[in-house]
Each structure stands twice: as C-alpha cells, then as structure tokens.
Amino acid sequence: MNNTKATPNLDQELISMFADDEVNYWATKWGVTRETVKSAVKFSGSNAVSTVYSYLLNSNKVRLS
C-alpha cells in the first residue's frame, strides 16, 4: 500500500546545504546572501525552512516584501 499523502515531503521543509541550487533559491527568496543562509542554518541549529526563516527574522537579516 502506497500512502504518500500521510508522509510530508521533507524536501520542501528542509534546506539541503549540499545542494547549491537550494541554498541559492532560499537566499534569493529571502533577499539575503548564500553565506547568510549558511550562517543561519549553523546558528539556528537546524536546516528546517521555518526555523531558518524565524532565525533570520529575529536577527533582522531578511527583507520583508
């Protein structure tokens, strides 16, 4: 039985730090540099999109549009 709807797609919830295109995507989306995304992952202790975004917001690094 294949129940793919019950399991969330982690690729959409996590930033792969080994995939340059993903780091570039989030950096562009949030209006920050690649290095800022990498630093946010390091200092937040997580590569979850929501955690990294919250860290960037709290540290006033992200540009809200």
N, C-alpha and C. Protein backbone atom coordinates (compact mmCIF):
# COMPACT_ATOMS: atom_id res chain seq x y z
N MET A 1 0.83 -1.18 0.00
CA MET A 1 0.00 0.00 0.00
C MET A 1 0.88 1.24 0.00
N ASN A 2 0.65 2.13 -0.91
CA ASN A 2 1.45 3.34 -1.03
C ASN A 2 0.61 4.53 -0.57
N ASN A 3 0.91 5.03 0.62
CA ASN A 3 0.17 6.15 1.18
C ASN A 3 1.09 7.36 1.27
N THR A 4 1.32 8.02 0.14
CA THR A 4 2.25 9.14 0.10
C THR A 4 1.67 10.41 0.70
N LYS A 5 0.35 10.50 0.82
CA LYS A 5 -0.26 11.71 1.37
C LYS A 5 -0.08 11.82 2.88
N ALA A 6 0.14 10.69 3.56
CA ALA A 6 0.30 10.71 5.00
C ALA A 6 1.68 11.18 5.43
N THR A 7 2.66 11.10 4.54
CA THR A 7 4.02 11.48 4.87
C THR A 7 4.36 12.80 4.20
N PRO A 8 4.76 13.81 4.98
CA PRO A 8 5.11 15.10 4.36
C PRO A 8 6.37 14.98 3.52
N ASN A 9 6.48 15.81 2.52
CA ASN A 9 7.66 15.83 1.66
C ASN A 9 8.72 16.67 2.35
N LEU A 10 9.72 16.01 2.92
CA LEU A 10 10.74 16.72 3.69
C LEU A 10 11.58 17.63 2.82
N ASP A 11 11.65 17.37 1.51
CA ASP A 11 12.43 18.23 0.63
C ASP A 11 11.90 19.65 0.61
N GLN A 12 10.62 19.82 0.87
CA GLN A 12 10.04 21.15 0.89
C GLN A 12 10.17 21.81 2.26
N GLU A 13 10.52 21.03 3.27
CA GLU A 13 10.60 21.55 4.62
C GLU A 13 12.03 21.75 5.10
N LEU A 14 13.00 21.17 4.38
CA LEU A 14 14.39 21.25 4.79
C LEU A 14 15.24 21.86 3.69
N ILE A 15 16.25 22.60 4.08
CA ILE A 15 17.20 23.17 3.12
C ILE A 15 18.40 22.24 3.05
N SER A 16 18.66 21.71 1.88
CA SER A 16 19.84 20.87 1.70
C SER A 16 21.05 21.76 1.50
N MET A 17 21.93 21.76 2.48
CA MET A 17 23.10 22.62 2.41
C MET A 17 24.13 22.11 1.41
N PHE A 18 23.93 20.91 0.90
CA PHE A 18 24.84 20.33 -0.09
C PHE A 18 24.37 20.59 -1.52
N ALA A 19 23.18 21.17 -1.66
CA ALA A 19 22.63 21.47 -2.99
C ALA A 19 22.68 22.98 -3.20
N ASP A 20 23.62 23.42 -4.01
CA ASP A 20 23.79 24.86 -4.26
C ASP A 20 22.52 25.52 -4.75
N ASP A 21 21.74 24.81 -5.59
CA ASP A 21 20.52 25.41 -6.12
C ASP A 21 19.50 25.67 -5.01
N GLU A 22 19.46 24.83 -4.00
CA GLU A 22 18.54 25.07 -2.88
C GLU A 22 18.97 26.26 -2.04
N VAL A 23 20.25 26.34 -1.75
CA VAL A 23 20.77 27.47 -0.96
C VAL A 23 20.53 28.76 -1.74
N ASN A 24 20.80 28.74 -3.03
CA ASN A 24 20.56 29.91 -3.88
C ASN A 24 19.09 30.30 -3.90
N TYR A 25 18.20 29.30 -3.99
CA TYR A 25 16.76 29.56 -4.03
C TYR A 25 16.32 30.31 -2.78
N TRP A 26 16.68 29.78 -1.60
CA TRP A 26 16.24 30.41 -0.35
C TRP A 26 16.90 31.76 -0.14
N ALA A 27 18.16 31.89 -0.54
CA ALA A 27 18.84 33.18 -0.42
C ALA A 27 18.12 34.24 -1.26
N THR A 28 17.77 33.88 -2.47
CA THR A 28 17.06 34.81 -3.37
C THR A 28 15.67 35.11 -2.83
N LYS A 29 14.97 34.08 -2.40
CA LYS A 29 13.60 34.26 -1.89
C LYS A 29 13.57 35.19 -0.68
N TRP A 30 14.56 35.07 0.19
CA TRP A 30 14.58 35.87 1.41
C TRP A 30 15.39 37.16 1.25
N GLY A 31 16.02 37.38 0.10
CA GLY A 31 16.77 38.62 -0.13
C GLY A 31 18.04 38.71 0.68
N VAL A 32 18.70 37.57 0.89
CA VAL A 32 19.95 37.53 1.65
C VAL A 32 21.01 36.81 0.82
N THR A 33 22.23 36.79 1.31
CA THR A 33 23.30 36.09 0.60
C THR A 33 23.29 34.61 0.95
N ARG A 34 23.99 33.83 0.14
CA ARG A 34 24.16 32.40 0.41
C ARG A 34 24.83 32.21 1.77
N GLU A 35 25.81 33.06 2.04
CA GLU A 35 26.54 32.95 3.30
C GLU A 35 25.62 33.21 4.50
N THR A 36 24.66 34.11 4.33
CA THR A 36 23.71 34.39 5.40
C THR A 36 22.82 33.18 5.66
N VAL A 37 22.39 32.50 4.61
CA VAL A 37 21.58 31.29 4.78
C VAL A 37 22.41 30.23 5.50
N LYS A 38 23.65 30.04 5.07
CA LYS A 38 24.51 29.04 5.69
C LYS A 38 24.75 29.37 7.17
N SER A 39 24.97 30.63 7.45
CA SER A 39 25.19 31.06 8.83
C SER A 39 23.92 30.85 9.67
N ALA A 40 22.77 31.13 9.10
CA ALA A 40 21.50 30.96 9.81
C ALA A 40 21.27 29.49 10.15
N VAL A 41 21.60 28.60 9.23
CA VAL A 41 21.46 27.18 9.50
C VAL A 41 22.39 26.78 10.64
N LYS A 42 23.60 27.26 10.59
CA LYS A 42 24.58 26.92 11.62
C LYS A 42 24.14 27.43 13.00
N PHE A 43 23.77 28.70 13.09
CA PHE A 43 23.46 29.29 14.38
C PHE A 43 22.07 28.93 14.90
N SER A 44 21.15 28.58 14.00
CA SER A 44 19.83 28.16 14.47
C SER A 44 19.84 26.69 14.88
N GLY A 45 20.85 25.96 14.40
CA GLY A 45 20.96 24.55 14.76
C GLY A 45 20.03 23.65 13.98
N SER A 46 19.47 24.17 12.89
CA SER A 46 18.51 23.40 12.12
C SER A 46 18.56 23.82 10.65
N ASN A 47 18.20 22.90 9.77
CA ASN A 47 18.06 23.26 8.37
C ASN A 47 16.59 23.26 7.93
N ALA A 48 15.69 23.28 8.91
CA ALA A 48 14.27 23.39 8.62
C ALA A 48 13.97 24.80 8.11
N VAL A 49 13.23 24.88 7.03
CA VAL A 49 12.92 26.18 6.42
C VAL A 49 12.30 27.13 7.44
N SER A 50 11.34 26.66 8.20
CA SER A 50 10.65 27.54 9.16
C SER A 50 11.59 28.03 10.26
N THR A 51 12.49 27.17 10.73
CA THR A 51 13.43 27.56 11.77
C THR A 51 14.44 28.58 11.27
N VAL A 52 14.96 28.33 10.07
CA VAL A 52 15.94 29.24 9.48
C VAL A 52 15.29 30.60 9.21
N TYR A 53 14.08 30.59 8.68
CA TYR A 53 13.37 31.84 8.40
C TYR A 53 13.11 32.61 9.69
N SER A 54 12.68 31.91 10.74
CA SER A 54 12.45 32.57 12.04
C SER A 54 13.73 33.17 12.58
N TYR A 55 14.83 32.45 12.44
CA TYR A 55 16.12 32.97 12.89
C TYR A 55 16.47 34.24 12.13
N LEU A 56 16.28 34.23 10.82
CA LEU A 56 16.60 35.41 10.02
C LEU A 56 15.71 36.59 10.38
N LEU A 57 14.44 36.33 10.62
CA LEU A 57 13.52 37.41 11.03
C LEU A 57 13.94 38.00 12.37
N ASN A 58 14.22 37.14 13.32
CA ASN A 58 14.60 37.60 14.66
C ASN A 58 15.92 38.34 14.69
N SER A 59 16.79 38.03 13.74
CA SER A 59 18.09 38.71 13.70
C SER A 59 18.09 39.87 12.68
N ASN A 60 16.88 40.21 12.19
CA ASN A 60 16.71 41.32 11.25
C ASN A 60 17.56 41.19 10.00
N LYS A 61 17.72 39.98 9.49
CA LYS A 61 18.52 39.75 8.30
C LYS A 61 17.68 39.64 7.03
N VAL A 62 16.44 39.27 7.16
CA VAL A 62 15.60 39.01 6.00
C VAL A 62 14.85 40.30 5.63
N ARG A 63 14.69 40.49 4.33
CA ARG A 63 13.92 41.64 3.83
C ARG A 63 12.50 41.20 3.59
N LEU A 64 11.57 41.83 4.25
CA LEU A 64 10.16 41.53 4.04
C LEU A 64 9.66 42.31 2.84
N SER A 65 8.92 41.60 1.99
CA SER A 65 8.40 42.30 0.80
C SER A 65 6.91 42.33 0.78
